[in-house]
Protein backbone atom coordinates (compact mmCIF):
# COMPACT_ATOMS: atom_id res chain seq x y z
CA SER A 1 93.10 132.39 27.21
CA GLY A 2 90.97 129.34 26.53
CA SER A 3 93.73 127.69 24.54
CA ASP A 4 96.27 127.91 27.39
CA TRP A 5 96.34 124.53 29.13
CA SER A 6 99.85 124.86 30.57
CA GLY A 7 100.78 124.92 34.23
CA ALA A 8 99.87 123.31 37.52
CA TRP A 9 96.60 121.37 37.74
CA THR A 10 95.08 118.83 40.10
CA ILE A 11 93.75 115.90 38.09
CA GLN A 12 91.14 113.50 39.45
CA LEU A 13 91.06 110.15 37.69
CA SER A 14 89.87 106.57 38.05
CA SER A 15 92.44 103.81 38.34
CA ASP A 16 89.95 101.03 37.49
CA GLY A 17 87.64 101.07 34.48
CA GLU A 18 85.42 98.45 36.13
CA ASN A 19 84.79 100.81 39.06
CA PRO A 20 85.41 104.42 37.93
CA GLU A 21 83.76 106.13 40.92
CA GLY A 22 85.16 103.84 43.58
CA SER A 23 88.73 103.98 42.28
CA LYS A 24 89.07 107.75 41.85
CA TYR A 25 92.06 109.62 43.25
CA SER A 26 93.64 113.04 42.80
CA VAL A 27 97.19 113.90 41.81
CA PRO A 28 99.08 117.16 41.16
CA VAL A 29 100.17 117.50 37.52
CA VAL A 30 102.10 120.08 35.53
CA ILE A 31 100.97 120.30 31.90
CA ALA A 32 103.62 121.43 29.43
CA GLN A 33 102.32 123.06 26.26
CA ASP A 34 104.06 123.82 22.98
CA GLY A 35 101.66 125.31 20.44
CA LEU A 36 98.80 122.81 20.21
CA SER A 37 100.76 119.98 21.83
CA VAL A 38 100.53 119.11 25.52
CA SER A 39 102.34 116.57 27.68
CA PHE A 40 102.37 115.58 31.32
CA THR A 41 103.29 112.65 33.55
CA ILE A 42 101.37 110.94 36.34
CA PHE A 43 103.13 108.74 38.87
CA SER A 44 100.84 105.79 39.51
CA ALA A 45 101.25 102.26 40.86
CA GLY A 46 104.99 102.72 41.17
CA HIS A 47 105.76 104.01 37.69
CA LEU A 48 105.51 107.12 35.53
CA ASN A 49 102.82 107.29 32.87
CA TYR A 50 103.52 109.68 29.99
CA TYR A 51 100.51 111.45 28.47
CA THR A 52 100.71 113.32 25.17
CA GLY A 53 97.88 115.15 23.47
CA THR A 54 96.75 117.70 20.93
CA ILE A 55 94.60 120.75 21.62
CA SER A 56 91.63 121.30 19.31
CA ASP A 57 91.68 124.26 16.93
CA ASP A 58 89.17 126.13 19.12
CA GLY A 59 91.31 125.48 22.21
CA LYS A 60 88.41 123.95 24.13
CA SER A 61 89.42 120.28 24.16
CA VAL A 62 92.42 117.95 24.21
CA THR A 63 92.66 114.42 22.80
CA GLY A 64 95.65 112.21 23.39
CA THR A 65 97.13 108.89 24.39
CA MET A 66 98.98 107.18 27.22
CA GLY A 67 100.19 103.71 26.34
CA ASP A 68 97.11 101.71 25.32
CA ARG A 69 94.72 104.38 26.55
CA ARG A 70 93.13 107.41 24.97
CA PHE A 71 92.09 110.48 26.92
CA HIS A 72 89.74 113.38 26.23
CA PHE A 73 89.56 116.69 28.10
CA TYR A 74 86.77 119.26 27.66
CA ARG A 75 87.29 122.80 28.95
CA SER A 76 84.46 124.43 30.88
CA ALA A 77 82.91 127.28 28.88
CA THR A 78 82.32 129.29 32.05
CA ASN A 79 85.43 128.41 34.10
CA LEU A 80 88.80 128.07 32.34
CA ASP A 81 90.25 126.64 35.56
CA GLN A 82 88.28 123.41 35.11
CA PHE A 83 88.01 120.62 32.56
CA GLN A 84 85.89 117.47 32.42
CA GLY A 85 87.02 114.30 30.71
CA ARG A 86 87.70 110.62 30.53
CA TRP A 87 90.22 107.98 29.64
CA GLU A 88 89.34 104.81 27.79
CA SER A 89 91.03 101.67 26.60
CA ALA A 90 92.14 101.83 22.96
CA GLU A 91 90.79 98.27 22.54
CA SER A 92 87.40 98.91 24.13
CA SER A 93 85.73 102.24 24.81
CA ASP A 94 83.51 100.30 27.28
CA TYR A 95 86.52 100.23 29.66
CA TYR A 96 86.89 103.81 30.83
CA GLY A 97 87.32 106.09 33.81
CA MET A 98 86.92 109.71 34.78
CA MET A 99 89.76 112.16 34.19
CA CYS A 100 89.14 115.81 34.98
CA GLY A 101 91.11 118.71 36.33
CA TYR A 102 91.06 121.99 38.17
CA ARG A 103 93.56 124.66 39.14
CA ASN A 104 94.07 127.90 41.06
CA LYS A 105 91.16 128.41 43.44
CA SER A 106 88.78 126.24 41.47
CA TRP A 107 87.32 122.84 42.41
CA VAL A 108 86.57 119.42 40.89
CA PRO A 109 84.06 119.80 38.05
CA ASN A 110 80.71 118.12 38.62
CA PRO A 111 80.39 115.78 36.94
CA CYS A 112 84.06 114.97 36.42
CA LEU A 113 83.37 112.32 33.77
CA LYS A 114 82.32 113.47 30.30
């Protein structure tokens, strides 16, 4: 269903908010879900980053945090195996990068950033 975010995804994200497109990379991620709570880890720059978030009541989006960053995922209305999104600095929403995902036989959403 549209509110099921759990399982194996490939996430594409920017490592540098000054250069979101040029710093993008992809990583396999397993999202754990308990009710409306989700969590996952991404190994980056030699350490694990822990992401925790909450699914919206309609199941179509996730908002959460990782350290001093916020992230937002938006499920595709036509393809539940894709989501668009972004991360941003908690101090400044002007510092942000893409963060989107796909799974199964799907592909990177275009655009990734939302």
